[in-house]
């Protein structure tokens, strides 16, 4: 079941959420999936280890993909929670 879908900026903060019009700027820069996408431009679609989602505090499996800025630098992450 899809729990959520969001956009995380290059700074690690949630910018947009499909479930919340004005999401809290939750910092996800410490998440494994975020660091992998930030540090390795060759990481493609990633299914991560189960985590406790913030701020809901429910068990989730993140599925994520790196996004790019127009100059091809790291733009952040698009992530879904299953």
C-alpha atoms as a PDB file:
ATOM      1  CA  UNK A   1       0.000   0.000   0.000  1.00  0.00           C
ATOM      2  CA  UNK A   2       1.302   3.447  -0.906  1.00  0.00           C
ATOM      3  CA  UNK A   3       1.689   5.550   2.261  1.00  0.00           C
ATOM      4  CA  UNK A   4       3.038   8.678   0.660  1.00  0.00           C
ATOM      5  CA  UNK A   5       4.895  10.324  -2.192  1.00  0.00           C
ATOM      6  CA  UNK A   6       7.135  13.330  -1.876  1.00  0.00           C
ATOM      7  CA  UNK A   7       9.957  15.454  -3.198  1.00  0.00           C
ATOM      8  CA  UNK A   8      13.052  15.969  -1.068  1.00  0.00           C
ATOM      9  CA  UNK A   9      15.323  18.876  -1.986  1.00  0.00           C
ATOM     10  CA  UNK A  10      19.105  18.745  -2.296  1.00  0.00           C
ATOM     11  CA  UNK A  11      19.297  20.002   1.304  1.00  0.00           C
ATOM     12  CA  UNK A  12      17.421  16.908   2.535  1.00  0.00           C
ATOM     13  CA  UNK A  13      14.207  18.717   3.449  1.00  0.00           C
ATOM     14  CA  UNK A  14      10.776  17.699   2.175  1.00  0.00           C
ATOM     15  CA  UNK A  15       9.597  20.250  -0.428  1.00  0.00           C
ATOM     16  CA  UNK A  16       6.354  18.685  -1.611  1.00  0.00           C
ATOM     17  CA  UNK A  17       4.034  15.862  -0.629  1.00  0.00           C
ATOM     18  CA  UNK A  18       1.134  14.230  -2.433  1.00  0.00           C
ATOM     19  CA  UNK A  19      -0.711  13.769   0.858  1.00  0.00           C
ATOM     20  CA  UNK A  20      -0.130  17.194   2.452  1.00  0.00           C
ATOM     21  CA  UNK A  21      -0.514  20.547   0.679  1.00  0.00           C
ATOM     22  CA  UNK A  22       2.078  22.272   2.899  1.00  0.00           C
ATOM     23  CA  UNK A  23       4.330  19.563   4.320  1.00  0.00           C
ATOM     24  CA  UNK A  24       6.503  20.141   7.355  1.00  0.00           C
ATOM     25  CA  UNK A  25      10.124  20.746   6.266  1.00  0.00           C
ATOM     26  CA  UNK A  26      11.155  17.369   7.681  1.00  0.00           C
ATOM     27  CA  UNK A  27      14.901  16.754   7.373  1.00  0.00           C
ATOM     28  CA  UNK A  28      15.614  13.409   5.696  1.00  0.00           C
ATOM     29  CA  UNK A  29      19.287  14.041   4.909  1.00  0.00           C
ATOM     30  CA  UNK A  30      20.282  11.309   7.378  1.00  0.00           C
ATOM     31  CA  UNK A  31      18.355   8.594   5.514  1.00  0.00           C
ATOM     32  CA  UNK A  32      20.399   5.950   3.697  1.00  0.00           C
ATOM     33  CA  UNK A  33      18.465   6.399   0.458  1.00  0.00           C
ATOM     34  CA  UNK A  34      19.046  10.164   0.449  1.00  0.00           C
ATOM     35  CA  UNK A  35      22.783   9.833   1.060  1.00  0.00           C
ATOM     36  CA  UNK A  36      23.132   7.150  -1.631  1.00  0.00           C
ATOM     37  CA  UNK A  37      21.420   9.300  -4.258  1.00  0.00           C
ATOM     38  CA  UNK A  38      23.344  12.425  -3.200  1.00  0.00           C
ATOM     39  CA  UNK A  39      26.753  10.735  -3.192  1.00  0.00           C
ATOM     40  CA  UNK A  40      26.432   8.307  -6.119  1.00  0.00           C
ATOM     41  CA  UNK A  41      25.037   9.677  -9.388  1.00  0.00           C
ATOM     42  CA  UNK A  42      24.810   6.128 -10.751  1.00  0.00           C
ATOM     43  CA  UNK A  43      22.317   4.909  -8.136  1.00  0.00           C
ATOM     44  CA  UNK A  44      19.089   4.329 -10.026  1.00  0.00           C
ATOM     45  CA  UNK A  45      15.713   3.349  -8.618  1.00  0.00           C
ATOM     46  CA  UNK A  46      16.346   2.229  -5.057  1.00  0.00           C
ATOM     47  CA  UNK A  47      14.195   0.093  -2.758  1.00  0.00           C
ATOM     48  CA  UNK A  48      15.479   0.802   0.725  1.00  0.00           C
ATOM     49  CA  UNK A  49      15.463  -0.960   4.051  1.00  0.00           C
ATOM     50  CA  UNK A  50      12.356  -0.502   6.215  1.00  0.00           C
ATOM     51  CA  UNK A  51      12.449   2.706   8.279  1.00  0.00           C
ATOM     52  CA  UNK A  52      10.172   4.580  10.637  1.00  0.00           C
ATOM     53  CA  UNK A  53       8.708   7.376   8.509  1.00  0.00           C
ATOM     54  CA  UNK A  54       8.873  10.933   9.789  1.00  0.00           C
ATOM     55  CA  UNK A  55       6.840  12.695  11.059  1.00  0.00           C
ATOM     56  CA  UNK A  56       4.147   9.959  11.039  1.00  0.00           C
ATOM     57  CA  UNK A  57       6.325   7.420  12.914  1.00  0.00           C
ATOM     58  CA  UNK A  58       5.000   4.417  10.970  1.00  0.00           C
ATOM     59  CA  UNK A  59       7.021   1.569   9.438  1.00  0.00           C
ATOM     60  CA  UNK A  60       7.690   2.203   5.742  1.00  0.00           C
ATOM     61  CA  UNK A  61       9.781   0.933   2.862  1.00  0.00           C
ATOM     62  CA  UNK A  62      11.215   3.833   0.844  1.00  0.00           C
ATOM     63  CA  UNK A  63      11.397   3.634  -2.944  1.00  0.00           C
ATOM     64  CA  UNK A  64      13.392   6.510  -4.362  1.00  0.00           C
ATOM     65  CA  UNK A  65      15.043   8.040  -7.381  1.00  0.00           C
ATOM     66  CA  UNK A  66      17.596  10.844  -7.732  1.00  0.00           C
ATOM     67  CA  UNK A  67      16.513  14.080  -9.436  1.00  0.00           C
ATOM     68  CA  UNK A  68      18.781  16.417 -11.360  1.00  0.00           C
ATOM     69  CA  UNK A  69      19.035  20.172 -11.768  1.00  0.00           C
ATOM     70  CA  UNK A  70      19.227  21.548 -15.345  1.00  0.00           C
ATOM     71  CA  UNK A  71      23.052  21.538 -15.045  1.00  0.00           C
ATOM     72  CA  UNK A  72      22.898  17.795 -14.157  1.00  0.00           C
ATOM     73  CA  UNK A  73      23.930  18.376 -10.511  1.00  0.00           C
ATOM     74  CA  UNK A  74      22.083  16.675  -7.643  1.00  0.00           C
ATOM     75  CA  UNK A  75      18.621  18.180  -7.281  1.00  0.00           C
ATOM     76  CA  UNK A  76      17.196  15.945  -4.581  1.00  0.00           C
ATOM     77  CA  UNK A  77      15.102  12.807  -4.409  1.00  0.00           C
ATOM     78  CA  UNK A  78      11.604  11.726  -5.330  1.00  0.00           C
ATOM     79  CA  UNK A  79      10.500   9.137  -2.790  1.00  0.00           C
ATOM     80  CA  UNK A  80       7.489   6.945  -2.205  1.00  0.00           C
ATOM     81  CA  UNK A  81       6.715   5.130   1.044  1.00  0.00           C
ATOM     82  CA  UNK A  82       5.239   1.652   0.907  1.00  0.00           C
END
